[in-house]
Amino acid sequence: MNTITCVSCGKTGLVRNEIGINKKLLGEDIEKFYCIDCLAEYLEVTPQDILDKIEEFKEDGCKLFE
């Protein structure tokens, strides 16, 4: 599996939930990904808002999340 790196800060090894939330919020065909902190900054929300959304999508049974 390829290691995915945050396009903003360079954090390596993004995990499935980070990749999933990027696809869910930015579009399934994206090729550049953000870590949770950088995605929150990009979307002008808090990292906790992103984590809450991940939990919501998990509860809804979305297959993009573990």
N, C-alpha and C. Protein backbone atom coordinates (compact mmCIF):
# COMPACT_ATOMS: atom_id res chain seq x y z
N MET A 1 0.84 -1.19 0.00
CA MET A 1 0.00 0.00 0.00
C MET A 1 0.88 1.25 0.00
N ASN A 2 0.50 2.23 -0.79
CA ASN A 2 1.26 3.47 -0.85
C ASN A 2 1.02 4.29 0.41
N THR A 3 2.07 4.95 0.85
CA THR A 3 1.95 5.86 1.99
C THR A 3 1.39 7.17 1.47
N ILE A 4 0.33 7.64 2.10
CA ILE A 4 -0.29 8.90 1.69
C ILE A 4 0.17 10.00 2.63
N THR A 5 0.54 11.12 2.02
CA THR A 5 1.11 12.25 2.75
C THR A 5 0.17 13.45 2.66
N CYS A 6 0.09 14.20 3.75
CA CYS A 6 -0.70 15.44 3.77
C CYS A 6 -0.09 16.44 2.80
N VAL A 7 -0.91 16.97 1.92
CA VAL A 7 -0.46 17.92 0.93
C VAL A 7 -0.06 19.26 1.56
N SER A 8 -0.53 19.54 2.75
CA SER A 8 -0.26 20.82 3.40
C SER A 8 0.96 20.78 4.32
N CYS A 9 0.97 19.86 5.28
CA CYS A 9 2.04 19.84 6.29
C CYS A 9 3.10 18.77 6.06
N GLY A 10 2.81 17.81 5.17
CA GLY A 10 3.77 16.76 4.88
C GLY A 10 3.71 15.56 5.81
N LYS A 11 2.74 15.51 6.73
CA LYS A 11 2.59 14.34 7.61
C LYS A 11 2.42 13.10 6.74
N THR A 12 3.17 12.06 7.05
CA THR A 12 3.09 10.83 6.26
C THR A 12 2.26 9.78 6.97
N GLY A 13 1.81 8.80 6.20
CA GLY A 13 1.09 7.68 6.78
C GLY A 13 -0.33 8.01 7.21
N LEU A 14 -1.03 8.79 6.40
CA LEU A 14 -2.43 9.08 6.74
C LEU A 14 -3.21 7.78 6.84
N VAL A 15 -4.07 7.68 7.83
CA VAL A 15 -4.83 6.46 8.08
C VAL A 15 -6.16 6.47 7.32
N ARG A 16 -6.82 5.33 7.31
CA ARG A 16 -8.05 5.16 6.55
C ARG A 16 -9.10 6.24 6.84
N ASN A 17 -9.31 6.56 8.11
CA ASN A 17 -10.32 7.57 8.46
C ASN A 17 -9.96 8.94 7.89
N GLU A 18 -8.67 9.28 7.88
CA GLU A 18 -8.24 10.55 7.30
C GLU A 18 -8.49 10.57 5.80
N ILE A 19 -8.17 9.49 5.15
CA ILE A 19 -8.40 9.39 3.71
C ILE A 19 -9.90 9.42 3.42
N GLY A 20 -10.66 8.68 4.21
CA GLY A 20 -12.11 8.62 4.02
C GLY A 20 -12.79 9.97 4.17
N ILE A 21 -12.41 10.74 5.18
CA ILE A 21 -13.06 12.03 5.39
C ILE A 21 -12.69 13.01 4.29
N ASN A 22 -11.48 12.92 3.77
CA ASN A 22 -11.10 13.74 2.63
C ASN A 22 -12.00 13.43 1.43
N LYS A 23 -12.17 12.13 1.14
CA LYS A 23 -13.01 11.73 0.01
C LYS A 23 -14.46 12.12 0.22
N LYS A 24 -14.94 11.97 1.43
CA LYS A 24 -16.34 12.28 1.74
C LYS A 24 -16.62 13.78 1.61
N LEU A 25 -15.69 14.61 2.07
CA LEU A 25 -15.93 16.05 2.09
C LEU A 25 -15.43 16.78 0.85
N LEU A 26 -14.41 16.23 0.19
CA LEU A 26 -13.80 16.93 -0.95
C LEU A 26 -14.08 16.26 -2.29
N GLY A 27 -14.60 15.04 -2.26
CA GLY A 27 -14.93 14.34 -3.50
C GLY A 27 -14.13 13.05 -3.64
N GLU A 28 -14.79 12.01 -4.14
CA GLU A 28 -14.16 10.69 -4.20
C GLU A 28 -12.98 10.61 -5.16
N ASP A 29 -12.89 11.52 -6.11
CA ASP A 29 -11.84 11.46 -7.12
C ASP A 29 -10.60 12.29 -6.79
N ILE A 30 -10.53 12.81 -5.55
CA ILE A 30 -9.37 13.64 -5.20
C ILE A 30 -8.09 12.82 -5.20
N GLU A 31 -6.99 13.48 -5.45
CA GLU A 31 -5.69 12.81 -5.46
C GLU A 31 -4.76 13.34 -4.39
N LYS A 32 -5.09 14.50 -3.81
CA LYS A 32 -4.29 15.08 -2.74
C LYS A 32 -5.12 15.08 -1.46
N PHE A 33 -4.47 14.70 -0.37
CA PHE A 33 -5.17 14.52 0.90
C PHE A 33 -4.59 15.40 1.99
N TYR A 34 -5.42 15.73 2.98
CA TYR A 34 -5.02 16.51 4.14
C TYR A 34 -5.11 15.63 5.39
N CYS A 35 -4.22 15.88 6.36
CA CYS A 35 -4.40 15.26 7.68
C CYS A 35 -5.59 15.95 8.35
N ILE A 36 -6.03 15.44 9.46
CA ILE A 36 -7.21 16.00 10.15
C ILE A 36 -7.01 17.49 10.47
N ASP A 37 -5.86 17.84 11.02
CA ASP A 37 -5.63 19.24 11.40
C ASP A 37 -5.64 20.17 10.20
N CYS A 38 -4.98 19.77 9.12
CA CYS A 38 -4.91 20.63 7.93
C CYS A 38 -6.26 20.68 7.21
N LEU A 39 -6.99 19.58 7.22
CA LEU A 39 -8.33 19.58 6.61
C LEU A 39 -9.24 20.52 7.38
N ALA A 40 -9.16 20.49 8.69
CA ALA A 40 -9.97 21.39 9.51
C ALA A 40 -9.63 22.85 9.20
N GLU A 41 -8.35 23.14 9.09
CA GLU A 41 -7.93 24.51 8.76
C GLU A 41 -8.44 24.90 7.37
N TYR A 42 -8.30 24.00 6.41
CA TYR A 42 -8.75 24.25 5.04
C TYR A 42 -10.26 24.54 4.99
N LEU A 43 -11.02 23.79 5.78
CA LEU A 43 -12.48 23.94 5.79
C LEU A 43 -12.97 24.97 6.81
N GLU A 44 -12.02 25.55 7.56
CA GLU A 44 -12.33 26.56 8.57
C GLU A 44 -13.28 26.05 9.65
N VAL A 45 -12.96 24.84 10.13
CA VAL A 45 -13.67 24.23 11.25
C VAL A 45 -12.60 23.73 12.23
N THR A 46 -13.03 23.15 13.35
CA THR A 46 -12.06 22.61 14.30
C THR A 46 -11.76 21.15 13.98
N PRO A 47 -10.59 20.66 14.40
CA PRO A 47 -10.30 19.23 14.23
C PRO A 47 -11.39 18.35 14.88
N GLN A 48 -11.93 18.80 16.00
CA GLN A 48 -12.99 18.03 16.66
C GLN A 48 -14.23 17.94 15.78
N ASP A 49 -14.53 18.99 15.03
CA ASP A 49 -15.66 18.94 14.09
C ASP A 49 -15.46 17.83 13.07
N ILE A 50 -14.22 17.69 12.58
CA ILE A 50 -13.90 16.65 11.60
C ILE A 50 -14.05 15.28 12.24
N LEU A 51 -13.52 15.11 13.45
CA LEU A 51 -13.63 13.83 14.15
C LEU A 51 -15.09 13.47 14.43
N ASP A 52 -15.90 14.46 14.78
CA ASP A 52 -17.33 14.21 15.00
C ASP A 52 -18.00 13.74 13.72
N LYS A 53 -17.64 14.35 12.59
CA LYS A 53 -18.21 13.95 11.30
C LYS A 53 -17.82 12.51 10.96
N ILE A 54 -16.57 12.15 11.23
CA ILE A 54 -16.13 10.77 10.98
C ILE A 54 -17.00 9.81 11.77
N GLU A 55 -17.25 10.11 13.04
CA GLU A 55 -18.09 9.24 13.87
C GLU A 55 -19.51 9.16 13.32
N GLU A 56 -20.04 10.29 12.86
CA GLU A 56 -21.38 10.29 12.26
C GLU A 56 -21.44 9.37 11.05
N PHE A 57 -20.45 9.49 10.17
CA PHE A 57 -20.43 8.67 8.95
C PHE A 57 -20.26 7.20 9.29
N LYS A 58 -19.44 6.89 10.31
CA LYS A 58 -19.28 5.51 10.75
C LYS A 58 -20.62 4.95 11.23
N GLU A 59 -21.33 5.73 12.05
CA GLU A 59 -22.62 5.28 12.57
C GLU A 59 -23.64 5.06 11.46
N ASP A 60 -23.49 5.84 10.38
CA ASP A 60 -24.38 5.68 9.23
C ASP A 60 -23.99 4.50 8.36
N GLY A 61 -22.85 3.85 8.68
CA GLY A 61 -22.42 2.68 7.95
C GLY A 61 -21.60 2.96 6.71
N CYS A 62 -21.06 4.16 6.58
CA CYS A 62 -20.26 4.51 5.42
C CYS A 62 -19.01 3.62 5.37
N LYS A 63 -18.77 3.02 4.22
CA LYS A 63 -17.66 2.07 4.04
C LYS A 63 -16.29 2.73 3.91
N LEU A 64 -16.24 4.06 3.87
CA LEU A 64 -14.96 4.76 3.77
C LEU A 64 -14.23 4.80 5.11
N PHE A 65 -14.90 4.39 6.18
CA PHE A 65 -14.35 4.51 7.52
C PHE A 65 -14.26 3.16 8.20
N GLU A 66 -13.29 3.03 9.14
CA GLU A 66 -13.13 1.76 9.87
C GLU A 66 -14.07 1.69 11.05
